[in-house]
Protein backbone atom coordinates (compact mmCIF):
# COMPACT_ATOMS: atom_id res chain seq x y z
CA MET A 1 0.00 0.00 0.00
CA PHE A 2 0.92 3.65 -0.54
CA SER A 3 3.46 2.80 -3.22
CA LEU A 4 4.67 5.67 -5.40
CA SER A 5 6.64 3.38 -7.67
CA GLY A 6 7.11 4.91 -11.11
CA LYS A 7 5.67 8.26 -10.09
CA ILE A 8 7.43 11.59 -10.62
CA ALA A 9 7.11 14.19 -7.87
CA ILE A 10 8.11 17.84 -7.53
CA ILE A 11 8.45 19.18 -4.00
CA THR A 12 9.12 22.87 -3.39
CA GLY A 13 11.15 23.88 -0.37
CA GLY A 14 12.36 20.33 -0.02
CA ALA A 15 15.87 21.11 1.21
CA SER A 16 14.89 21.04 4.89
CA GLY A 17 12.09 20.60 7.39
CA ILE A 18 8.72 19.26 6.31
CA GLY A 19 9.64 19.34 2.63
CA LYS A 20 12.74 17.22 3.16
CA ALA A 21 10.81 14.68 5.23
CA ILE A 22 8.19 14.39 2.47
CA ALA A 23 10.88 14.06 -0.19
CA GLU A 24 12.71 11.28 1.62
CA LEU A 25 9.53 9.34 2.35
CA PHE A 26 8.32 9.65 -1.25
CA HIS A 27 11.70 8.36 -2.41
CA GLN A 28 11.44 5.41 -0.02
CA GLN A 29 8.05 4.61 -1.54
CA GLY A 30 9.48 4.51 -5.05
CA ALA A 31 8.96 7.99 -6.47
CA SER A 32 11.47 9.91 -8.56
CA VAL A 33 11.72 13.07 -6.46
CA HIS A 34 12.70 16.52 -7.72
CA ILE A 35 13.35 19.33 -5.25
CA LEU A 36 12.85 23.00 -6.10
CA ASP A 37 14.65 25.23 -3.59
CA ILE A 38 16.88 28.28 -3.57
CA GLN A 39 20.04 26.69 -2.16
CA LYS A 40 21.33 23.12 -2.16
CA PRO A 41 22.61 22.03 1.27
CA GLU A 42 26.06 20.47 1.45
CA ASP A 43 24.61 17.26 2.93
CA PHE A 44 21.78 16.97 0.40
CA PRO A 45 20.95 13.31 -0.37
CA VAL A 46 22.31 12.10 -3.71
CA TYR A 47 19.19 10.05 -4.37
CA LEU A 48 17.06 13.20 -4.73
CA THR A 49 17.30 15.52 -7.75
CA PHE A 50 17.88 19.15 -6.80
CA HIS A 51 16.94 22.15 -8.95
CA THR A 52 18.12 25.57 -7.83
CA VAL A 53 14.97 27.61 -8.32
CA ASN A 54 13.47 30.75 -6.84
CA ILE A 55 9.78 29.85 -6.96
CA THR A 56 8.82 33.52 -7.19
CA ASP A 57 10.61 33.77 -10.56
CA SER A 58 8.30 32.60 -13.34
CA VAL A 59 11.16 32.14 -15.81
CA GLN A 60 13.08 29.88 -13.44
CA VAL A 61 9.99 27.84 -12.58
CA GLN A 62 8.97 27.38 -16.21
CA SER A 63 12.49 26.48 -17.31
CA VAL A 64 12.47 23.49 -14.94
CA VAL A 65 8.87 22.34 -15.30
CA THR A 66 8.95 22.41 -19.12
CA THR A 67 11.61 19.67 -19.02
CA PHE A 68 9.03 17.24 -17.61
CA THR A 69 7.00 15.20 -20.08
CA SER A 70 5.23 13.45 -17.22
CA LEU A 71 4.42 14.61 -13.70
CA ASP A 72 2.33 12.81 -11.12
CA ILE A 73 2.70 14.85 -7.93
CA LEU A 74 3.32 18.47 -6.98
CA VAL A 75 3.79 19.34 -3.31
CA ASN A 76 3.73 23.09 -2.72
CA ASN A 77 5.63 23.16 0.54
CA ALA A 78 7.93 26.19 0.23
CA GLY A 79 7.01 29.02 2.55
CA ILE A 80 8.31 31.61 4.96
CA ALA A 81 6.96 33.02 8.20
CA HIS A 82 6.73 36.40 9.88
CA VAL A 83 6.06 37.48 13.45
CA GLY A 84 3.92 40.58 13.90
CA ASP A 85 0.44 42.07 13.97
CA ILE A 86 -0.94 44.36 11.26
CA GLU A 87 0.68 47.44 12.80
CA THR A 88 4.14 45.92 13.00
CA THR A 89 3.99 44.30 9.55
CA SER A 90 5.73 46.54 7.04
CA ILE A 91 4.78 46.71 3.39
CA GLU A 92 8.06 44.94 2.63
CA ASP A 93 7.24 42.16 5.12
CA PHE A 94 3.76 41.72 3.67
CA ASN A 95 4.98 41.55 0.08
CA ARG A 96 7.85 39.19 0.93
CA VAL A 97 5.63 36.61 2.68
CA MET A 98 2.82 36.80 0.14
CA ASN A 99 5.30 36.59 -2.72
CA VAL A 100 6.79 33.30 -1.52
CA ASN A 101 3.78 31.65 0.10
CA VAL A 102 1.05 32.62 -2.36
CA PHE A 103 2.62 33.84 -5.60
CA GLY A 104 5.23 31.08 -5.56
CA THR A 105 2.55 28.43 -5.10
CA PHE A 106 0.56 30.01 -7.92
CA LEU A 107 3.53 29.96 -10.31
CA CYS A 108 4.49 26.35 -9.58
CA THR A 109 0.93 25.09 -9.85
CA GLN A 110 0.23 27.03 -13.03
CA ALA A 111 3.38 25.57 -14.60
CA CYS A 112 2.65 21.97 -13.57
CA ILE A 113 -1.06 21.68 -14.38
CA PRO A 114 -0.62 21.57 -18.19
CA VAL A 115 1.71 18.56 -17.85
CA MET A 116 -0.83 16.82 -15.63
CA LYS A 117 -3.71 17.69 -17.95
CA LYS A 118 -1.87 16.19 -20.90
CA ASN A 119 -1.57 12.90 -19.03
CA LYS A 120 -5.09 13.12 -17.54
CA LYS A 121 -3.81 12.55 -14.01
CA GLY A 122 -2.06 14.30 -11.19
CA VAL A 123 -2.08 15.18 -7.51
CA ILE A 124 -1.42 18.63 -6.06
CA LEU A 125 -0.84 18.92 -2.34
CA ASN A 126 -0.52 22.34 -0.71
CA ILE A 127 0.96 22.84 2.73
CA ALA A 128 -1.32 25.33 4.46
CA SER A 129 -1.51 25.83 8.24
CA ILE A 130 -3.96 25.95 11.10
CA ALA A 131 -3.27 29.68 10.86
CA ALA A 132 -5.67 29.62 7.91
CA SER A 133 -8.52 28.65 10.24
CA ALA A 134 -7.54 29.96 13.67
CA GLY A 135 -6.52 33.36 14.93
CA LEU A 136 -2.86 33.07 15.90
CA GLU A 137 -1.30 35.89 17.87
CA LYS A 138 1.30 37.98 16.00
CA ARG A 139 0.97 36.00 12.77
CA PHE A 140 -0.99 38.47 10.65
CA VAL A 141 0.57 38.13 7.20
CA TYR A 142 1.48 34.46 7.65
CA SER A 143 -2.14 33.67 8.49
CA THR A 144 -3.30 35.74 5.54
CA SER A 145 -1.04 33.83 3.17
CA LYS A 146 -2.10 30.42 4.43
CA GLY A 147 -5.76 31.40 4.19
CA ALA A 148 -5.10 32.12 0.54
CA ILE A 149 -3.48 28.69 0.12
CA LYS A 150 -6.51 26.97 1.62
CA SER A 151 -8.86 28.82 -0.74
CA MET A 152 -6.56 28.19 -3.69
CA THR A 153 -6.73 24.46 -2.94
CA LEU A 154 -10.52 24.43 -3.15
CA SER A 155 -10.56 26.43 -6.37
CA ILE A 156 -8.01 24.21 -8.12
CA ALA A 157 -9.83 21.06 -7.01
CA LYS A 158 -13.09 22.37 -8.44
CA ASP A 159 -11.61 23.53 -11.75
CA TYR A 160 -9.60 20.40 -12.54
CA VAL A 161 -11.53 17.46 -11.11
CA LYS A 162 -12.73 16.55 -14.62
CA GLU A 163 -9.10 16.55 -15.82
CA GLY A 164 -8.16 13.75 -13.43
CA ILE A 165 -6.29 16.14 -11.13
CA ARG A 166 -6.84 16.02 -7.38
CA CYS A 167 -5.91 18.91 -5.07
CA ASN A 168 -5.87 18.86 -1.28
CA SER A 169 -4.07 20.67 1.51
CA ILE A 170 -2.57 19.87 4.88
CA SER A 171 -2.81 22.32 7.77
CA PRO A 172 -0.22 21.52 10.44
CA ALA A 173 -0.02 23.08 13.86
CA ARG A 174 3.47 23.67 15.21
CA VAL A 175 6.04 21.26 13.80
CA HIS A 176 9.56 20.89 15.18
CA THR A 177 11.75 22.01 12.29
CA PRO A 178 15.07 23.86 11.97
CA PHE A 179 12.98 27.02 11.53
CA VAL A 180 11.59 26.63 15.07
CA ASP A 181 15.07 26.19 16.52
CA GLY A 182 16.32 29.23 14.63
CA PHE A 183 13.32 31.29 15.72
CA LEU A 184 13.90 30.45 19.39
CA ALA A 185 17.61 31.18 19.16
CA ARG A 186 16.94 34.55 17.57
CA PHE A 187 14.10 35.82 19.74
CA PHE A 188 14.67 33.97 23.03
CA PRO A 189 18.44 33.54 23.47
CA GLY A 190 19.22 31.62 26.64
CA LYS A 191 15.59 30.67 27.11
CA GLU A 192 15.17 28.35 24.13
CA LYS A 193 14.21 25.24 26.13
CA GLU A 194 11.65 27.06 28.26
CA LYS A 195 10.01 28.74 25.27
CA PHE A 196 10.06 25.50 23.27
CA GLU A 197 8.00 23.82 26.00
CA GLN A 198 5.55 26.73 26.06
CA LEU A 199 5.01 26.45 22.32
CA ALA A 200 4.72 22.67 22.53
CA GLN A 201 2.00 22.92 25.16
CA THR A 202 -0.24 25.06 22.93
CA GLN A 203 -1.22 21.77 21.27
CA PRO A 204 -3.64 19.87 23.53
CA ILE A 205 -1.70 16.68 22.81
CA GLY A 206 1.23 18.28 24.62
CA ARG A 207 3.94 18.39 21.98
CA MET A 208 4.87 19.64 18.53
CA ALA A 209 4.48 17.42 15.50
CA GLN A 210 7.48 15.70 13.99
CA THR A 211 8.19 16.28 10.31
CA ASN A 212 7.77 12.59 9.49
CA GLU A 213 4.20 12.71 10.83
CA ILE A 214 3.34 15.40 8.29
CA ALA A 215 5.12 13.40 5.60
CA LEU A 216 3.02 10.30 6.31
CA LEU A 217 -0.21 12.23 5.78
CA ALA A 218 1.26 13.71 2.60
CA LEU A 219 2.10 10.22 1.38
CA TYR A 220 -1.46 9.02 1.86
CA LEU A 221 -3.01 12.02 0.10
CA CYS A 222 -0.64 11.70 -2.86
CA SER A 223 -1.05 7.94 -3.19
CA ASP A 224 -3.56 6.05 -5.31
CA GLU A 225 -5.25 4.90 -2.10
CA ALA A 226 -6.54 8.48 -1.69
CA GLY A 227 -7.98 8.53 -5.20
CA PHE A 228 -11.45 9.54 -3.97
CA ILE A 229 -10.21 12.57 -2.03
CA THR A 230 -10.06 16.07 -3.48
CA GLY A 231 -10.92 19.60 -2.41
CA THR A 232 -10.25 18.93 1.26
CA ASP A 233 -8.04 20.50 3.92
CA TYR A 234 -6.62 18.18 6.57
CA PRO A 235 -5.64 19.68 9.94
CA ILE A 236 -2.84 17.75 11.63
CA ASP A 237 -2.64 19.71 14.84
CA GLY A 238 -2.64 17.62 18.01
CA GLY A 239 -6.22 18.72 18.69
CA PHE A 240 -5.51 22.45 18.41
CA LEU A 241 -8.56 23.45 16.37
CA THR A 242 -11.18 21.22 17.95
CA LEU A 243 -10.00 20.83 21.55
CA ASN A 244 -9.15 24.51 21.98
CA GLY A 245 -12.72 25.47 21.08
CA GLN A 246 -12.02 26.75 17.56
């Protein structure tokens, strides 16, 4: 079950964190995995194909995608965060987050859909966030961008269901990634462990998610076993939305 043997997958932002976990699991399940990211890490696995791409650059995105004659899976994972309310979010901050999280997803999806249409099959999986459904403190533009991703998912699913293309999204709560460690080191130097526990406890289940847990849900949604699922957002949040009264 959940074999991706013979399938070709593109994963944006797959050099680290959730994207890397998805890429490695998809490879284990037999997929030929292509990563689109801005910088190749020194320890990047040789069994994954890396493409140096800025997903906000339409020329760069098209130049890679047009080399594919077949494409089964697109995972729009690349994204950036920002801490601040509407008053402390500058125009530059707003544009930067929306450019990567929304415009980048738009460009990659727009480039990949024609390949999928030609082959009358394909799966698009967008990584949204519980921020799209819940009010998170000091996450104004990030929440705005992920709300757009959730709506984009529904629109794409509706428009392309007759073309054999499925589109769903995953909405994680906090996930322990290198970004979290970097965030704590930057904003809470010397108090990283204490703040980590505080953030972990915001999930009723009492911890952050691990990247492989997100990857396992991604695997299911991109597999043939999920062939009847489209136009749906899947929270994976340790009970955050339902048990916190959202």
